[in-house]
Amino acid sequence: MAARFVRVLLIAVAAATSSAFAERADRDKPTQIDADVWRGEELKQVVVYSGRVVLTKGSLRITGERLELREDPEGYQYAVVTAAPGALATFRQRRDPKQAGVEEFVEAAAERLEYDGKAETVRLSGRAQVRRLENGAQRDEFSGGVITYDMRESRYSGTGGEPKDGGRTRTIIAPRTNESPSAPATPLAPARSLDPERKQ
C-alpha cells in the first residue's frame, strides 16, 4: 500500500508541476527522481527526498538539496524544493512552441521553490530569477526576492529582495525585431544556465 501511495503521489505532483510552463508532451513522460535518501510517511501523505535531488520528466528538470511532496485530503498536491546553503534550487522546461522554428525554454532559480496545486501557483523565494530563452538566446529576465507565477491567469508578479541587495525587483526585456521566427534571437548576454550541474 505504501509503495502504491508513493508512486501515485509522485506521478500526480510531477504532472501538476510540469503544467506550470508546460510542454504538453512532458505529461506523458515517466518521472525520475534521483537523491541520496528518500522517506515516505503514508499517514501524513508526504514523501521527502534529500541530498542532490534531481527530478526529470521529459524536458522538465528540477534540482535542489531537498524535495518534499505532499497531498491534502482533497487530493491537491504541493511540492517544496529547497537549495543547499549558499546554492539555488533550479527549474527548467521547454514551452510549447508558439511559432515554427522557435525553441523556447523557461529557466528559474531560487533558494526555495513552492508549487501549490490548489491555487495553481509556483512561488520562488530567495534570490529568485526567471529567464525565458528562444533558440538558446536569452530574451527576458526577471529577478527579485520573491516571484510568483499564476498558472490560471498566465501572470507573473514579484517583490524586492533584501535591503542589502537594494530591495528592488528587476526586469530585462529584449528588443523585439522583425527577424523571421526561425532565425535565432539576438542575446542580451551569453545565455548561461541557471542550473550549475547542467552543461550548455
Protein backbone atom coordinates (compact mmCIF):
# COMPACT_ATOMS: atom_id res chain seq x y z
CA MET A 1 0.00 0.00 0.00
CA ALA A 2 2.80 2.43 0.93
CA ALA A 3 4.64 1.76 -2.34
CA ARG A 4 1.46 2.39 -4.32
CA PHE A 5 0.85 5.68 -2.43
CA VAL A 6 4.39 6.87 -3.18
CA ARG A 7 4.07 6.03 -6.88
CA VAL A 8 0.67 7.72 -7.28
CA LEU A 9 1.77 10.83 -5.37
CA LEU A 10 4.96 11.24 -7.39
CA ILE A 11 3.18 10.94 -10.72
CA ALA A 12 0.43 13.36 -9.67
CA VAL A 13 2.77 16.03 -8.31
CA ALA A 14 5.22 15.84 -11.20
CA ALA A 15 2.42 16.06 -13.76
CA ALA A 16 0.92 19.05 -11.98
CA THR A 17 4.27 20.79 -11.65
CA SER A 18 5.03 20.34 -15.33
CA SER A 19 1.85 22.23 -16.29
CA ALA A 20 3.37 25.42 -14.89
CA PHE A 21 5.33 26.35 -18.02
CA ALA A 22 4.37 23.19 -19.82
CA GLU A 23 5.34 21.41 -22.86
CA ARG A 24 2.26 19.20 -23.26
CA ALA A 25 4.35 16.18 -24.27
CA ASP A 26 6.01 16.18 -20.83
CA ARG A 27 2.77 14.98 -19.22
CA ASP A 28 3.13 11.60 -20.90
CA LYS A 29 6.77 11.08 -19.93
CA PRO A 30 7.94 8.98 -16.97
CA THR A 31 9.05 10.77 -13.80
CA GLN A 32 12.51 10.04 -12.41
CA ILE A 33 13.77 11.34 -9.06
CA ASP A 34 17.39 10.81 -8.03
CA ALA A 35 18.52 11.60 -4.49
CA ASP A 36 20.81 10.33 -1.77
CA VAL A 37 17.91 9.45 0.56
CA TRP A 38 14.10 9.28 0.44
CA ARG A 39 11.46 8.78 3.14
CA GLY A 40 7.69 8.33 2.79
CA GLU A 41 5.08 8.92 5.52
CA GLU A 42 1.76 7.46 4.41
CA LEU A 43 -0.27 8.86 7.33
CA LYS A 44 0.94 12.39 6.58
CA GLN A 45 0.78 11.80 2.80
CA VAL A 46 4.33 13.17 2.47
CA VAL A 47 7.39 11.93 0.60
CA VAL A 48 10.75 13.64 1.29
CA TYR A 49 13.88 13.34 -0.88
CA SER A 50 17.20 14.79 0.25
CA GLY A 51 20.78 15.05 -1.00
CA ARG A 52 21.49 16.28 -4.53
CA VAL A 53 17.88 15.83 -5.67
CA VAL A 54 17.19 15.81 -9.42
CA LEU A 55 13.66 15.38 -10.80
CA THR A 56 13.25 14.88 -14.55
CA LYS A 57 10.09 14.38 -16.60
CA GLY A 58 10.54 14.89 -20.33
CA SER A 59 12.01 18.38 -20.79
CA LEU A 60 11.25 19.28 -17.16
CA ARG A 61 14.24 19.28 -14.79
CA ILE A 62 14.17 20.38 -11.13
CA THR A 63 17.21 20.30 -8.85
CA GLY A 64 17.73 21.06 -5.18
CA GLU A 65 19.03 19.68 -1.92
CA ARG A 66 15.60 18.67 -0.58
CA LEU A 67 12.24 17.92 -2.23
CA GLU A 68 9.05 17.47 -0.21
CA LEU A 69 5.90 16.18 -1.90
CA ARG A 70 2.52 16.30 -0.15
CA GLU A 71 -1.13 15.59 -0.93
CA ASP A 72 -4.02 17.06 1.08
CA PRO A 73 -7.32 15.27 1.91
CA GLU A 74 -8.99 16.90 -1.10
CA GLY A 75 -6.39 15.43 -3.45
CA TYR A 76 -4.47 18.64 -4.18
CA GLN A 77 -0.70 18.28 -4.50
CA TYR A 78 2.07 20.50 -3.15
CA ALA A 79 5.83 20.43 -3.72
CA VAL A 80 8.59 22.33 -1.94
CA VAL A 81 12.19 22.29 -3.20
CA THR A 82 14.97 23.88 -1.16
CA ALA A 83 18.59 24.50 -2.07
CA ALA A 84 21.75 23.68 -0.13
CA PRO A 85 23.16 26.64 1.88
CA GLY A 86 24.56 29.26 -0.49
CA ALA A 87 23.17 27.48 -3.57
CA LEU A 88 19.95 27.77 -5.63
CA ALA A 89 17.26 25.23 -6.49
CA THR A 90 16.57 25.24 -10.24
CA PHE A 91 13.70 24.65 -12.66
CA ARG A 92 13.98 24.29 -16.44
CA GLN A 93 11.34 23.30 -19.01
CA ARG A 94 10.65 23.62 -22.71
CA ARG A 95 7.47 25.52 -23.51
CA ASP A 96 5.05 24.53 -26.25
CA PRO A 97 6.23 26.30 -29.42
CA LYS A 98 4.25 29.41 -30.37
CA GLN A 99 6.00 29.79 -33.72
CA ALA A 100 7.50 27.28 -36.14
CA GLY A 101 11.26 27.03 -35.76
CA VAL A 102 11.38 28.67 -32.31
CA GLU A 103 12.51 26.57 -29.35
CA GLU A 104 11.54 28.29 -26.12
CA PHE A 105 12.65 27.38 -22.59
CA VAL A 106 11.87 28.85 -19.19
CA GLU A 107 14.57 28.63 -16.52
CA ALA A 108 14.06 29.58 -12.89
CA ALA A 109 16.21 29.51 -9.78
CA ALA A 110 15.73 30.42 -6.14
CA GLU A 111 16.66 29.31 -2.66
CA ARG A 112 13.14 27.84 -2.37
CA LEU A 113 10.56 26.72 -4.98
CA GLU A 114 6.94 26.07 -3.92
CA TYR A 115 4.20 24.54 -6.07
CA ASP A 116 0.59 24.88 -4.86
CA GLY A 117 -1.78 22.59 -6.77
CA LYS A 118 -4.94 24.11 -5.28
CA ALA A 119 -4.02 27.72 -6.05
CA GLU A 120 -2.19 26.68 -9.27
CA THR A 121 0.83 28.82 -8.48
CA VAL A 122 4.61 28.45 -8.41
CA ARG A 123 6.40 30.66 -5.88
CA LEU A 124 10.16 31.29 -5.97
CA SER A 125 11.75 32.94 -2.95
CA GLY A 126 15.28 33.97 -2.01
CA ARG A 127 17.40 35.38 -4.85
CA ALA A 128 14.62 34.43 -7.29
CA GLN A 129 15.36 34.52 -11.02
CA VAL A 130 13.26 33.64 -14.07
CA ARG A 131 14.60 33.71 -17.63
CA ARG A 132 12.98 32.99 -20.99
CA LEU A 133 15.20 31.65 -23.78
CA GLU A 134 14.47 31.46 -27.51
CA ASN A 135 16.71 29.21 -29.61
CA GLY A 136 19.28 29.25 -26.80
CA ALA A 137 19.43 33.05 -26.54
CA GLN A 138 18.17 34.98 -23.54
CA ARG A 139 15.07 37.07 -24.25
CA ASP A 140 13.56 38.21 -20.95
CA GLU A 141 14.73 38.05 -17.34
CA PHE A 142 13.03 38.76 -14.00
CA SER A 143 14.69 38.84 -10.59
CA GLY A 144 13.69 39.75 -7.06
CA GLY A 145 13.22 38.47 -3.54
CA VAL A 146 10.01 36.62 -4.43
CA ILE A 147 8.50 35.81 -7.84
CA THR A 148 5.08 34.15 -8.19
CA TYR A 149 3.67 32.59 -11.36
CA ASP A 150 -0.12 32.21 -11.56
CA MET A 151 -0.87 29.39 -13.99
CA ARG A 152 -4.60 30.13 -14.25
CA GLU A 153 -4.00 33.71 -15.39
CA SER A 154 -0.53 33.21 -17.00
CA ARG A 155 0.64 36.09 -14.82
CA TYR A 156 3.93 36.89 -13.06
CA SER A 157 4.38 39.11 -10.01
CA GLY A 158 7.45 39.96 -7.95
CA THR A 159 8.64 41.76 -4.86
CA GLY A 160 12.05 43.15 -3.99
CA GLY A 161 14.93 41.37 -2.34
CA GLU A 162 16.80 42.07 0.86
CA PRO A 163 17.59 45.74 1.70
CA LYS A 164 21.31 44.94 1.37
CA ASP A 165 20.60 43.98 -2.25
CA GLY A 166 18.70 47.19 -2.94
CA GLY A 167 15.27 45.77 -2.04
CA ARG A 168 14.05 46.06 -5.63
CA THR A 169 12.89 43.84 -8.48
CA ARG A 170 14.48 43.91 -11.91
CA THR A 171 13.04 43.11 -15.34
CA ILE A 172 15.09 42.96 -18.53
CA ILE A 173 13.15 42.73 -21.79
CA ALA A 174 14.97 42.04 -25.04
CA PRO A 175 14.02 44.21 -28.04
CA ARG A 176 11.59 42.61 -30.46
CA THR A 177 12.84 42.68 -34.05
CA ASN A 178 11.40 41.84 -37.44
CA GLU A 179 13.61 38.79 -37.84
CA SER A 180 11.98 35.62 -39.13
CA PRO A 181 10.64 33.21 -36.48
CA SER A 182 13.19 30.58 -37.49
CA ALA A 183 16.15 32.92 -37.00
CA PRO A 184 17.94 32.82 -33.65
CA ALA A 185 17.12 35.64 -31.26
CA THR A 186 19.83 38.18 -30.53
CA PRO A 187 21.04 37.57 -26.98
CA LEU A 188 21.25 40.31 -24.36
CA ALA A 189 24.15 38.41 -22.82
CA PRO A 190 25.59 34.90 -23.03
CA ALA A 191 22.80 32.51 -22.08
CA ARG A 192 24.41 30.78 -19.15
CA SER A 193 22.36 28.08 -17.50
CA LEU A 194 20.83 28.75 -14.09
CA ASP A 195 21.44 25.06 -13.33
CA PRO A 196 25.05 24.66 -12.17
CA GLU A 197 25.02 20.92 -12.94
CA ARG A 198 23.74 21.31 -16.49
CA LYS A 199 26.16 21.89 -19.35
CA GLN A 200 25.12 24.16 -22.21
